[in-house]
Amino acid sequence: MLELLSAAVTVGDADPQHGALLEDRVRIARGEQQIFGTQLTQGADGTLIPYPVANPDEVEALRAAWGFQPLETYIKQVAAGVR
């Protein structure tokens, strides 16, 4: 499915954010680090945190380039149940 969605994003037939979300989800399922920080887990203190990100120093710029809100805002909205 990831290949099909990636191809659709490339030709403009799918939302790039959907491709990014699936890319991160597949990477986490494979035991790899995510790219965009879209996949969250519960930290030791019970708060939501992102699964490990491959390039944490670059994730905010990458999220902005792909139209995502800042990671902190995203985490707060998911925690509050807002979409």
Protein backbone atom coordinates (compact mmCIF):
# COMPACT_ATOMS: atom_id res chain seq x y z
CA MET A 1 0.00 0.00 0.00
CA LEU A 2 2.87 2.37 0.81
CA GLU A 3 4.23 2.06 -2.73
CA LEU A 4 0.83 2.84 -4.23
CA LEU A 5 0.25 5.82 -1.98
CA SER A 6 3.78 7.13 -2.61
CA ALA A 7 3.20 6.95 -6.35
CA ALA A 8 -0.13 8.76 -5.99
CA VAL A 9 1.51 11.51 -3.92
CA THR A 10 4.27 11.87 -6.51
CA VAL A 11 1.79 12.52 -9.33
CA GLY A 12 -0.44 14.73 -7.21
CA ASP A 13 -3.33 12.29 -6.80
CA ALA A 14 -3.01 11.94 -3.00
CA ASP A 15 -2.40 14.27 -0.07
CA PRO A 16 1.32 14.31 0.84
CA GLN A 17 0.41 14.25 4.54
CA HIS A 18 -1.33 10.90 4.04
CA GLY A 19 1.85 9.55 2.47
CA ALA A 20 3.94 10.85 5.36
CA LEU A 21 1.60 9.32 7.94
CA LEU A 22 1.73 5.91 6.28
CA GLU A 23 5.51 6.12 5.81
CA ASP A 24 5.97 6.69 9.55
CA ARG A 25 3.50 3.98 10.49
CA VAL A 26 5.21 1.40 8.27
CA ARG A 27 8.65 2.36 9.59
CA ILE A 28 7.50 1.95 13.20
CA ALA A 29 5.94 -1.45 12.37
CA ARG A 30 9.28 -2.51 10.87
CA GLY A 31 11.15 -1.42 14.00
CA GLU A 32 12.70 1.57 12.23
CA GLN A 33 12.79 5.22 13.23
CA GLN A 34 10.09 7.43 11.75
CA ILE A 35 10.70 10.47 9.56
CA PHE A 36 7.90 12.95 10.32
CA GLY A 37 7.08 12.26 13.97
CA THR A 38 3.46 11.36 13.27
CA GLN A 39 3.38 8.17 15.33
CA LEU A 40 3.06 8.62 19.08
CA THR A 41 3.37 6.38 22.11
CA GLN A 42 2.93 6.81 25.82
CA GLY A 43 5.99 7.94 27.76
CA ALA A 44 6.97 6.68 31.21
CA ASP A 45 5.06 9.56 32.81
CA GLY A 46 1.91 8.81 30.81
CA THR A 47 2.23 11.71 28.36
CA LEU A 48 2.29 11.21 24.62
CA ILE A 49 5.68 11.30 22.94
CA PRO A 50 6.76 10.51 19.39
CA TYR A 51 8.33 7.17 18.63
CA PRO A 52 12.02 7.70 17.80
CA VAL A 53 12.63 10.05 14.87
CA ALA A 54 15.52 9.45 12.45
CA ASN A 55 16.62 13.11 12.29
CA PRO A 56 15.26 14.91 15.35
CA ASP A 57 17.16 18.12 14.55
CA GLU A 58 15.44 18.34 11.16
CA VAL A 59 11.95 17.05 11.97
CA GLU A 60 10.32 20.48 12.51
CA ALA A 61 11.58 21.85 9.19
CA LEU A 62 10.50 18.68 7.42
CA ARG A 63 7.06 18.77 9.04
CA ALA A 64 6.62 22.40 7.96
CA ALA A 65 7.69 21.60 4.40
CA TRP A 66 5.06 18.86 4.23
CA GLY A 67 2.32 21.02 5.71
CA PHE A 68 2.26 19.52 9.20
CA GLN A 69 1.86 21.65 12.30
CA PRO A 70 4.75 21.77 14.80
CA LEU A 71 5.27 18.52 16.68
CA GLU A 72 4.41 20.02 20.07
CA THR A 73 1.08 21.33 18.75
CA TYR A 74 0.31 17.97 17.11
CA ILE A 75 0.99 16.09 20.35
CA LYS A 76 -1.22 18.44 22.36
CA GLN A 77 -4.08 18.06 19.87
CA VAL A 78 -3.83 14.28 19.80
CA ALA A 79 -3.72 14.18 23.60
CA ALA A 80 -6.84 16.33 23.75
CA GLY A 81 -8.58 14.16 21.16
CA VAL A 82 -8.66 16.97 18.58
CA ARG A 83 -8.13 16.24 14.91
